[in-house]
PDB file of N, CA and C in Angstrom:
ATOM      1  N   MET A   1       0.612  -1.181  -0.047  1.00  0.00           N
ATOM      2  CA  MET A   1      -0.480  -0.233   0.038  1.00  0.00           C
ATOM      3  C   MET A   1       1.046   1.130   0.565  1.00  0.00           C
ATOM      4  N   VAL A   2       1.938   1.643   0.589  1.00  0.00           N
ATOM      5  CA  VAL A   2       3.088   2.690   1.090  1.00  0.00           C
ATOM      6  C   VAL A   2       3.248   2.823  -0.066  1.00  0.00           C
ATOM      7  N   GLU A   3       3.805   1.411  -1.195  1.00  0.00           N
ATOM      8  CA  GLU A   3       4.534   1.647  -2.475  1.00  0.00           C
ATOM      9  C   GLU A   3       3.468   2.673  -3.336  1.00  0.00           C
ATOM     10  N   LEU A   4       2.235   2.177  -3.208  1.00  0.00           N
ATOM     11  CA  LEU A   4       1.557   2.999  -4.302  1.00  0.00           C
ATOM     12  C   LEU A   4       1.241   3.915  -3.682  1.00  0.00           C
ATOM     13  N   ILE A   5       0.846   4.613  -3.189  1.00  0.00           N
ATOM     14  CA  ILE A   5       0.534   5.827  -2.372  1.00  0.00           C
ATOM     15  C   ILE A   5       2.090   6.540  -3.609  1.00  0.00           C
ATOM     16  N   THR A   6       3.016   6.027  -2.570  1.00  0.00           N
ATOM     17  CA  THR A   6       4.910   6.585  -3.159  1.00  0.00           C
ATOM     18  C   THR A   6       4.498   6.935  -4.707  1.00  0.00           C
ATOM     19  N   GLN A   7       4.483   5.977  -5.681  1.00  0.00           N
ATOM     20  CA  GLN A   7       3.953   5.933  -6.992  1.00  0.00           C
ATOM     21  C   GLN A   7       3.212   7.181  -7.189  1.00  0.00           C
ATOM     22  N   ALA A   8       1.717   7.044  -6.343  1.00  0.00           N
ATOM     23  CA  ALA A   8       0.405   8.034  -6.946  1.00  0.00           C
ATOM     24  C   ALA A   8       1.311   9.438  -6.764  1.00  0.00           C
ATOM     25  N   LYS A   9       2.464   9.915  -6.226  1.00  0.00           N
ATOM     26  CA  LYS A   9       3.234  10.691  -5.605  1.00  0.00           C
ATOM     27  C   LYS A   9       4.139  11.274  -7.207  1.00  0.00           C
ATOM     28  N   GLY A  10       4.450  10.632  -7.729  1.00  0.00           N
ATOM     29  CA  GLY A  10       5.207  10.582  -9.349  1.00  0.00           C
ATOM     30  C   GLY A  10       6.493  10.085  -9.271  1.00  0.00           C
ATOM     31  N   HIS A  11       6.822   8.621  -7.436  1.00  0.00           N
ATOM     32  CA  HIS A  11       8.149   8.107  -7.375  1.00  0.00           C
ATOM     33  C   HIS A  11       7.691   7.214  -7.885  1.00  0.00           C
ATOM     34  N   GLY A  12       9.184   6.719  -8.095  1.00  0.00           N
ATOM     35  CA  GLY A  12       9.106   5.458  -8.849  1.00  0.00           C
ATOM     36  C   GLY A  12      10.390   5.190  -8.684  1.00  0.00           C
ATOM     37  N   LEU A  13      10.663   3.041  -9.189  1.00  0.00           N
ATOM     38  CA  LEU A  13      11.754   2.282  -8.268  1.00  0.00           C
ATOM     39  C   LEU A  13      13.017   2.684  -8.516  1.00  0.00           C
ATOM     40  N   ALA A  14      13.747   3.324  -7.780  1.00  0.00           N
ATOM     41  CA  ALA A  14      14.880   3.537  -8.231  1.00  0.00           C
ATOM     42  C   ALA A  14      16.202   2.966  -7.735  1.00  0.00           C
ATOM     43  N   THR A  15      17.104   1.811  -8.950  1.00  0.00           N
ATOM     44  CA  THR A  15      18.069   0.826  -7.974  1.00  0.00           C
ATOM     45  C   THR A  15      19.858   1.908  -8.474  1.00  0.00           C
ATOM     46  N   ALA A  16      20.371   1.407  -7.651  1.00  0.00           N
ATOM     47  CA  ALA A  16      21.859   2.288  -7.461  1.00  0.00           C
ATOM     48  C   ALA A  16      23.169   0.752  -7.161  1.00  0.00           C
ATOM     49  N   ASN A  17      23.666   1.558  -8.130  1.00  0.00           N
ATOM     50  CA  ASN A  17      24.954   0.313  -8.276  1.00  0.00           C
ATOM     51  C   ASN A  17      26.342   0.951  -7.838  1.00  0.00           C
ATOM     52  N   ILE A  18      26.358   0.367  -6.715  1.00  0.00           N
ATOM     53  CA  ILE A  18      27.325   1.448  -6.440  1.00  0.00           C
ATOM     54  C   ILE A  18      28.793   0.973  -6.084  1.00  0.00           C
ATOM     55  N   LEU A  19      29.988   1.235  -6.714  1.00  0.00           N
ATOM     56  CA  LEU A  19      30.975   1.027  -6.310  1.00  0.00           C
ATOM     57  C   LEU A  19      32.143   1.263  -6.052  1.00  0.00           C
ATOM     58  N   TYR A  20      33.094   0.833  -4.520  1.00  0.00           N
ATOM     59  CA  TYR A  20      33.497   1.917  -3.283  1.00  0.00           C
ATOM     60  C   TYR A  20      34.773   0.930  -3.433  1.00  0.00           C
ATOM     61  N   ARG A  21      35.644   1.025  -2.919  1.00  0.00           N
ATOM     62  CA  ARG A  21      37.154   1.014  -2.444  1.00  0.00           C
ATOM     63  C   ARG A  21      37.464   0.572  -1.174  1.00  0.00           C
ATOM     64  N   LEU A  22      37.704  -0.562  -0.742  1.00  0.00           N
ATOM     65  CA  LEU A  22      37.701  -1.573   1.287  1.00  0.00           C
ATOM     66  C   LEU A  22      38.891  -0.148   1.481  1.00  0.00           C
ATOM     67  N   PRO A  23      38.076   0.282   2.630  1.00  0.00           N
ATOM     68  CA  PRO A  23      39.181   1.309   3.152  1.00  0.00           C
ATOM     69  C   PRO A  23      40.568   0.190   3.378  1.00  0.00           C
ATOM     70  N   ASP A  24      40.862  -0.451   3.787  1.00  0.00           N
ATOM     71  CA  ASP A  24      42.311  -0.919   4.383  1.00  0.00           C
ATOM     72  C   ASP A  24      42.630  -1.587   2.424  1.00  0.00           C
ATOM     73  N   SER A  25      42.356  -1.536   1.748  1.00  0.00           N
ATOM     74  CA  SER A  25      43.075  -2.315   0.115  1.00  0.00           C
ATOM     75  C   SER A  25      42.162  -1.172  -0.418  1.00  0.00           C
ATOM     76  N   LYS A  26      42.682  -0.342  -0.423  1.00  0.00           N
ATOM     77  CA  LYS A  26      42.655   0.163  -2.127  1.00  0.00           C
ATOM     78  C   LYS A  26      42.892  -0.277  -3.062  1.00  0.00           C
ATOM     79  N   THR A  27      42.828  -1.422  -3.869  1.00  0.00           N
ATOM     80  CA  THR A  27      43.453  -2.302  -4.653  1.00  0.00           C
ATOM     81  C   THR A  27      42.467  -2.935  -4.926  1.00  0.00           C
ATOM     82  N   LEU A  28      41.027  -3.289  -4.237  1.00  0.00           N
ATOM     83  CA  LEU A  28      39.701  -3.860  -4.544  1.00  0.00           C
ATOM     84  C   LEU A  28      38.897  -3.241  -4.007  1.00  0.00           C
ATOM     85  N   VAL A  29      37.642  -3.604  -5.492  1.00  0.00           N
ATOM     86  CA  VAL A  29      36.786  -2.909  -5.425  1.00  0.00           C
ATOM     87  C   VAL A  29      35.660  -3.362  -4.818  1.00  0.00           C
ATOM     88  N   GLU A  30      34.491  -3.127  -4.174  1.00  0.00           N
ATOM     89  CA  GLU A  30      33.112  -4.172  -3.884  1.00  0.00           C
ATOM     90  C   GLU A  30      31.893  -2.957  -4.999  1.00  0.00           C
ATOM     91  N   GLU A  31      30.888  -4.056  -4.152  1.00  0.00           N
ATOM     92  CA  GLU A  31      30.081  -3.477  -5.329  1.00  0.00           C
ATOM     93  C   GLU A  31      28.725  -3.750  -3.847  1.00  0.00           C
ATOM     94  N   PHE A  32      28.053  -2.526  -3.895  1.00  0.00           N
ATOM     95  CA  PHE A  32      26.906  -2.328  -3.113  1.00  0.00           C
ATOM     96  C   PHE A  32      25.760  -1.814  -4.247  1.00  0.00           C
ATOM     97  N   ILE A  33      24.605  -2.770  -4.001  1.00  0.00           N
ATOM     98  CA  ILE A  33      22.960  -2.598  -4.777  1.00  0.00           C
ATOM     99  C   ILE A  33      22.296  -1.784  -3.335  1.00  0.00           C
ATOM    100  N   TYR A  34      21.658  -0.699  -3.905  1.00  0.00           N
ATOM    101  CA  TYR A  34      20.882   0.229  -3.395  1.00  0.00           C
ATOM    102  C   TYR A  34      19.044   0.784  -3.822  1.00  0.00           C
ATOM    103  N   GLN A  35      18.451   0.120  -3.865  1.00  0.00           N
ATOM    104  CA  GLN A  35      16.801   0.533  -3.798  1.00  0.00           C
ATOM    105  C   GLN A  35      15.751   0.929  -3.372  1.00  0.00           C
ATOM    106  N   ASP A  36      15.112   2.488  -3.965  1.00  0.00           N
ATOM    107  CA  ASP A  36      14.114   3.129  -3.291  1.00  0.00           C
ATOM    108  C   ASP A  36      13.481   3.506  -4.147  1.00  0.00           C
ATOM    109  N   TYR A  37      12.055   4.242  -3.673  1.00  0.00           N
ATOM    110  CA  TYR A  37      11.243   5.420  -4.756  1.00  0.00           C
ATOM    111  C   TYR A  37      11.975   6.492  -4.587  1.00  0.00           C
ATOM    112  N   ASP A  38      12.446   6.721  -5.681  1.00  0.00           N
ATOM    113  CA  ASP A  38      12.641   8.531  -5.785  1.00  0.00           C
ATOM    114  C   ASP A  38      12.262   9.057  -6.686  1.00  0.00           C
ATOM    115  N   HIS A  39      12.520  10.189  -7.387  1.00  0.00           N
ATOM    116  CA  HIS A  39      11.554  11.191  -7.936  1.00  0.00           C
ATOM    117  C   HIS A  39      12.873  11.534  -9.042  1.00  0.00           C
ATOM    118  N   LEU A  40      11.910  11.715 -10.015  1.00  0.00           N
ATOM    119  CA  LEU A  40      12.952  11.949 -10.968  1.00  0.00           C
ATOM    120  C   LEU A  40      12.737  13.881 -11.764  1.00  0.00           C
ATOM    121  N   PRO A  41      13.686  14.584 -11.735  1.00  0.00           N
ATOM    122  CA  PRO A  41      14.631  13.673 -12.352  1.00  0.00           C
ATOM    123  C   PRO A  41      15.892  14.096 -11.135  1.00  0.00           C
ATOM    124  N   GLU A  42      15.541  14.851 -10.083  1.00  0.00           N
ATOM    125  CA  GLU A  42      16.190  15.420  -8.768  1.00  0.00           C
ATOM    126  C   GLU A  42      17.361  13.778  -8.692  1.00  0.00           C
ATOM    127  N   LEU A  43      16.582  12.820  -7.916  1.00  0.00           N
ATOM    128  CA  LEU A  43      16.462  11.352  -7.102  1.00  0.00           C
ATOM    129  C   LEU A  43      17.414  11.978  -6.322  1.00  0.00           C
ATOM    130  N   PRO A  44      16.247  12.774  -5.016  1.00  0.00           N
ATOM    131  CA  PRO A  44      16.834  13.419  -4.090  1.00  0.00           C
ATOM    132  C   PRO A  44      17.036  12.534  -3.043  1.00  0.00           C
ATOM    133  N   ARG A  45      16.586  11.071  -2.654  1.00  0.00           N
ATOM    134  CA  ARG A  45      17.656  10.261  -1.825  1.00  0.00           C
ATOM    135  C   ARG A  45      18.465   9.813  -2.475  1.00  0.00           C
ATOM    136  N   MET A  46      18.898   9.122  -4.168  1.00  0.00           N
ATOM    137  CA  MET A  46      20.081   8.338  -3.985  1.00  0.00           C
ATOM    138  C   MET A  46      21.132   9.457  -3.571  1.00  0.00           C
ATOM    139  N   ARG A  47      20.730  11.490  -3.737  1.00  0.00           N
ATOM    140  CA  ARG A  47      21.610  11.764  -3.515  1.00  0.00           C
ATOM    141  C   ARG A  47      22.465  12.062  -2.366  1.00  0.00           C
ATOM    142  N   LYS A  48      21.224  12.080  -1.386  1.00  0.00           N
ATOM    143  CA  LYS A  48      21.146  11.863   0.249  1.00  0.00           C
ATOM    144  C   LYS A  48      22.393  10.654   0.234  1.00  0.00           C
ATOM    145  N   LEU A  49      21.837   9.649  -0.119  1.00  0.00           N
ATOM    146  CA  LEU A  49      22.722   8.350  -0.018  1.00  0.00           C
ATOM    147  C   LEU A  49      24.015   8.672  -0.177  1.00  0.00           C
ATOM    148  N   VAL A  50      23.925   9.243  -1.360  1.00  0.00           N
ATOM    149  CA  VAL A  50      25.564   9.122  -2.373  1.00  0.00           C
ATOM    150  C   VAL A  50      26.829   9.977  -0.813  1.00  0.00           C
ATOM    151  N   LEU A  51      25.726  12.123  -0.307  1.00  0.00           N
ATOM    152  CA  LEU A  51      26.283  12.567   0.076  1.00  0.00           C
ATOM    153  C   LEU A  51      26.816  11.747   1.538  1.00  0.00           C
ATOM    154  N   HIS A  52      25.494  11.440   1.934  1.00  0.00           N
ATOM    155  CA  HIS A  52      26.026  10.274   3.596  1.00  0.00           C
ATOM    156  C   HIS A  52      27.618   9.155   3.585  1.00  0.00           C
ATOM    157  N   TRP A  53      27.482   9.152   2.589  1.00  0.00           N
ATOM    158  CA  TRP A  53      28.630   7.566   1.930  1.00  0.00           C
ATOM    159  C   TRP A  53      29.559   8.285   1.844  1.00  0.00           C
ATOM    160  N   LYS A  54      29.926   9.296   1.358  1.00  0.00           N
ATOM    161  CA  LYS A  54      31.071  10.462   1.342  1.00  0.00           C
ATOM    162  C   LYS A  54      31.499  11.373   2.555  1.00  0.00           C
ATOM    163  N   GLN A  55      30.520  11.366   2.958  1.00  0.00           N
ATOM    164  CA  GLN A  55      30.729  12.477   4.758  1.00  0.00           C
ATOM    165  C   GLN A  55      31.129  11.329   6.025  1.00  0.00           C
ATOM    166  N   THR A  56      30.157  10.263   5.995  1.00  0.00           N
ATOM    167  CA  THR A  56      30.424   9.094   6.892  1.00  0.00           C
ATOM    168  C   THR A  56      31.085   8.218   6.806  1.00  0.00           C
ATOM    169  N   LEU A  57      31.218   7.456   5.780  1.00  0.00           N
ATOM    170  CA  LEU A  57      31.662   5.533   5.884  1.00  0.00           C
ATOM    171  C   LEU A  57      33.322   5.864   4.566  1.00  0.00           C
ATOM    172  N   GLN A  58      33.843   4.555   5.614  1.00  0.00           N
ATOM    173  CA  GLN A  58      35.702   5.197   5.388  1.00  0.00           C
ATOM    174  C   GLN A  58      35.752   4.162   4.006  1.00  0.00           C
ATOM    175  N   GLY A  59      34.688   4.232   3.423  1.00  0.00           N
ATOM    176  CA  GLY A  59      34.442   3.089   1.846  1.00  0.00           C
ATOM    177  C   GLY A  59      34.685   4.181   0.803  1.00  0.00           C
ATOM    178  N   PRO A  60      35.755   4.805   0.314  1.00  0.00           N
ATOM    179  CA  PRO A  60      35.841   5.380  -0.724  1.00  0.00           C
ATOM    180  C   PRO A  60      35.022   5.468  -2.397  1.00  0.00           C
ATOM    181  N   LEU A  61      34.263   6.245  -2.173  1.00  0.00           N
ATOM    182  CA  LEU A  61      33.326   5.710  -3.908  1.00  0.00           C
ATOM    183  C   LEU A  61      33.853   5.748  -5.051  1.00  0.00           C
ATOM    184  N   VAL A  62      33.830   5.029  -6.043  1.00  0.00           N
ATOM    185  CA  VAL A  62      34.149   4.609  -7.453  1.00  0.00           C
ATOM    186  C   VAL A  62      33.209   5.352  -8.590  1.00  0.00           C
ATOM    187  N   ALA A  63      32.001   4.530  -8.584  1.00  0.00           N
ATOM    188  CA  ALA A  63      30.655   4.824  -9.105  1.00  0.00           C
ATOM    189  C   ALA A  63      29.822   4.749  -8.923  1.00  0.00           C
ATOM    190  N   VAL A  64      29.113   5.340  -9.025  1.00  0.00           N
ATOM    191  CA  VAL A  64      26.995   5.356  -8.755  1.00  0.00           C
ATOM    192  C   VAL A  64      26.133   5.624  -9.990  1.00  0.00           C
ATOM    193  N   THR A  65      26.044   4.417 -10.027  1.00  0.00           N
ATOM    194  CA  THR A  65      24.939   4.177 -11.495  1.00  0.00           C
ATOM    195  C   THR A  65      23.418   4.021 -11.022  1.00  0.00           C
ATOM    196  N   VAL A  66      22.886   5.056 -11.248  1.00  0.00           N
ATOM    197  CA  VAL A  66      21.365   4.497 -11.284  1.00  0.00           C
ATOM    198  C   VAL A  66      20.477   4.285 -12.035  1.00  0.00           C
ATOM    199  N   TRP A  67      19.944   3.272 -12.069  1.00  0.00           N
ATOM    200  CA  TRP A  67      18.098   2.686 -13.114  1.00  0.00           C
ATOM    201  C   TRP A  67      17.187   3.431 -12.186  1.00  0.00           C
ATOM    202  N   HIS A  68      16.115   3.958 -13.063  1.00  0.00           N
ATOM    203  CA  HIS A  68      15.185   4.139 -12.847  1.00  0.00           C
ATOM    204  C   HIS A  68      13.781   3.928 -13.182  1.00  0.00           C
ATOM    205  N   GLU A  69      12.904   3.300 -13.215  1.00  0.00           N
ATOM    206  CA  GLU A  69      11.732   2.913 -13.932  1.00  0.00           C
ATOM    207  C   GLU A  69      11.278   3.996 -15.049  1.00  0.00           C
ATOM    208  N   LEU A  70      11.269   4.289 -14.726  1.00  0.00           N
ATOM    209  CA  LEU A  70      11.111   5.519 -16.317  1.00  0.00           C
ATOM    210  C   LEU A  70      12.478   6.211 -16.826  1.00  0.00           C
ATOM    211  N   LEU A  71      13.322   5.214 -16.581  1.00  0.00           N
ATOM    212  CA  LEU A  71      14.639   5.820 -18.166  1.00  0.00           C
ATOM    213  C   LEU A  71      14.508   4.504 -18.931  1.00  0.00           C
ATOM    214  N   ASP A  72      15.276   4.611 -19.820  1.00  0.00           N
ATOM    215  CA  ASP A  72      15.343   3.482 -20.830  1.00  0.00           C
ATOM    216  C   ASP A  72      16.813   3.086 -20.656  1.00  0.00           C
ATOM    217  N   ARG A  73      17.620   3.726 -19.771  1.00  0.00           N
ATOM    218  CA  ARG A  73      18.914   2.992 -19.603  1.00  0.00           C
ATOM    219  C   ARG A  73      19.949   3.504 -17.864  1.00  0.00           C
ATOM    220  N   PRO A  74      20.508   2.974 -17.182  1.00  0.00           N
ATOM    221  CA  PRO A  74      20.850   3.969 -16.243  1.00  0.00           C
ATOM    222  C   PRO A  74      21.660   4.704 -16.451  1.00  0.00           C
ATOM    223  N   VAL A  75      21.974   5.628 -15.481  1.00  0.00           N
ATOM    224  CA  VAL A  75      22.844   6.772 -15.930  1.00  0.00           C
ATOM    225  C   VAL A  75      23.169   7.115 -14.743  1.00  0.00           C
ATOM    226  N   PRO A  76      25.015   7.667 -15.058  1.00  0.00           N
ATOM    227  CA  PRO A  76      25.908   7.854 -14.382  1.00  0.00           C
ATOM    228  C   PRO A  76      25.725   8.602 -13.092  1.00  0.00           C
ATOM    229  N   ILE A  77      25.716   9.147 -11.489  1.00  0.00           N
ATOM    230  CA  ILE A  77      25.754  10.363 -11.140  1.00  0.00           C
ATOM    231  C   ILE A  77      27.103  10.340 -10.011  1.00  0.00           C
ATOM    232  N   LEU A  78      27.805   9.467 -10.449  1.00  0.00           N
ATOM    233  CA  LEU A  78      28.923   9.839  -9.932  1.00  0.00           C
ATOM    234  C   LEU A  78      30.399   8.976 -10.748  1.00  0.00           C
ATOM    235  N   SER A  79      31.012  10.031 -11.134  1.00  0.00           N
ATOM    236  CA  SER A  79      32.266   8.978 -12.088  1.00  0.00           C
ATOM    237  C   SER A  79      33.361   8.230 -11.669  1.00  0.00           C
ATOM    238  N   VAL A  80      34.014   7.663 -12.314  1.00  0.00           N
ATOM    239  CA  VAL A  80      35.084   7.842 -11.860  1.00  0.00           C
ATOM    240  C   VAL A  80      36.251   8.561 -11.029  1.00  0.00           C
ATOM    241  N   ASP A  81      36.530   9.914 -12.003  1.00  0.00           N
ATOM    242  CA  ASP A  81      37.078  10.902 -11.172  1.00  0.00           C
ATOM    243  C   ASP A  81      36.301  10.931 -10.341  1.00  0.00           C
ATOM    244  N   GLY A  82      35.320  11.091  -9.666  1.00  0.00           N
ATOM    245  CA  GLY A  82      35.144  12.056  -8.428  1.00  0.00           C
ATOM    246  C   GLY A  82      33.627  12.703  -8.691  1.00  0.00           C
ATOM    247  N   SER A  83      33.685  12.713  -9.749  1.00  0.00           N
ATOM    248  CA  SER A  83      32.836  14.302 -10.107  1.00  0.00           C
ATOM    249  C   SER A  83      31.179  13.041 -10.125  1.00  0.00           C
ATOM    250  N   SER A  84      30.873  14.187  -9.988  1.00  0.00           N
ATOM    251  CA  SER A  84      29.301  14.364  -9.556  1.00  0.00           C
ATOM    252  C   SER A  84      28.311  14.623 -10.612  1.00  0.00           C
ATOM    253  N   SER A  85      27.482  14.120 -11.368  1.00  0.00           N
ATOM    254  CA  SER A  85      26.711  14.621 -12.246  1.00  0.00           C
ATOM    255  C   SER A  85      25.223  13.926 -12.474  1.00  0.00           C
ATOM    256  N   LEU A  86      24.020  14.745 -13.250  1.00  0.00           N
ATOM    257  CA  LEU A  86      23.227  13.714 -13.686  1.00  0.00           C
ATOM    258  C   LEU A  86      23.129  14.230 -14.999  1.00  0.00           C
ATOM    259  N   SER A  87      22.231  12.936 -15.405  1.00  0.00           N
ATOM    260  CA  SER A  87      21.515  14.015 -16.239  1.00  0.00           C
ATOM    261  C   SER A  87      20.548  12.690 -16.872  1.00  0.00           C
ATOM    262  N   THR A  88      19.316  13.106 -16.854  1.00  0.00           N
ATOM    263  CA  THR A  88      18.346  11.980 -17.630  1.00  0.00           C
ATOM    264  C   THR A  88      17.688  11.784 -19.041  1.00  0.00           C
ATOM    265  N   ASP A  89      18.868  12.472 -19.500  1.00  0.00           N
ATOM    266  CA  ASP A  89      18.540  12.226 -20.754  1.00  0.00           C
ATOM    267  C   ASP A  89      18.784  10.955 -21.530  1.00  0.00           C
ATOM    268  N   SER A  90      17.859  10.444 -21.716  1.00  0.00           N
ATOM    269  CA  SER A  90      18.628   9.314 -22.444  1.00  0.00           C
ATOM    270  C   SER A  90      19.328   8.848 -23.654  1.00  0.00           C
ATOM    271  N   ARG A  91      18.947  10.375 -24.435  1.00  0.00           N
ATOM    272  CA  ARG A  91      19.625  10.257 -25.433  1.00  0.00           C
ATOM    273  C   ARG A  91      21.237  10.675 -25.976  1.00  0.00           C
ATOM    274  N   GLN A  92      21.982  10.452 -24.861  1.00  0.00           N
ATOM    275  CA  GLN A  92      23.516  10.079 -24.425  1.00  0.00           C
ATOM    276  C   GLN A  92      24.133   9.003 -24.446  1.00  0.00           C
TER     277      GLN A  92
END
């Protein structure tokens, strides 16, 4: 029921594929998958997660790619060089 109300407010299911380095080994990369309902194009929940990760957790982020049910392909919100951006233009 909560999901239906959330979707009625314009939110859709978003999945983040997060690649990060282990704090004690800079050569190993781990993967974390996160899902939540979020709103395009801002993706405020995903951005909040990435900001929290960068400020609080010790495993440095390598890349974050988000897929949203309203997009036709995944989009990066954090690139390998550490720059943050988001484009929901599916023609890129």
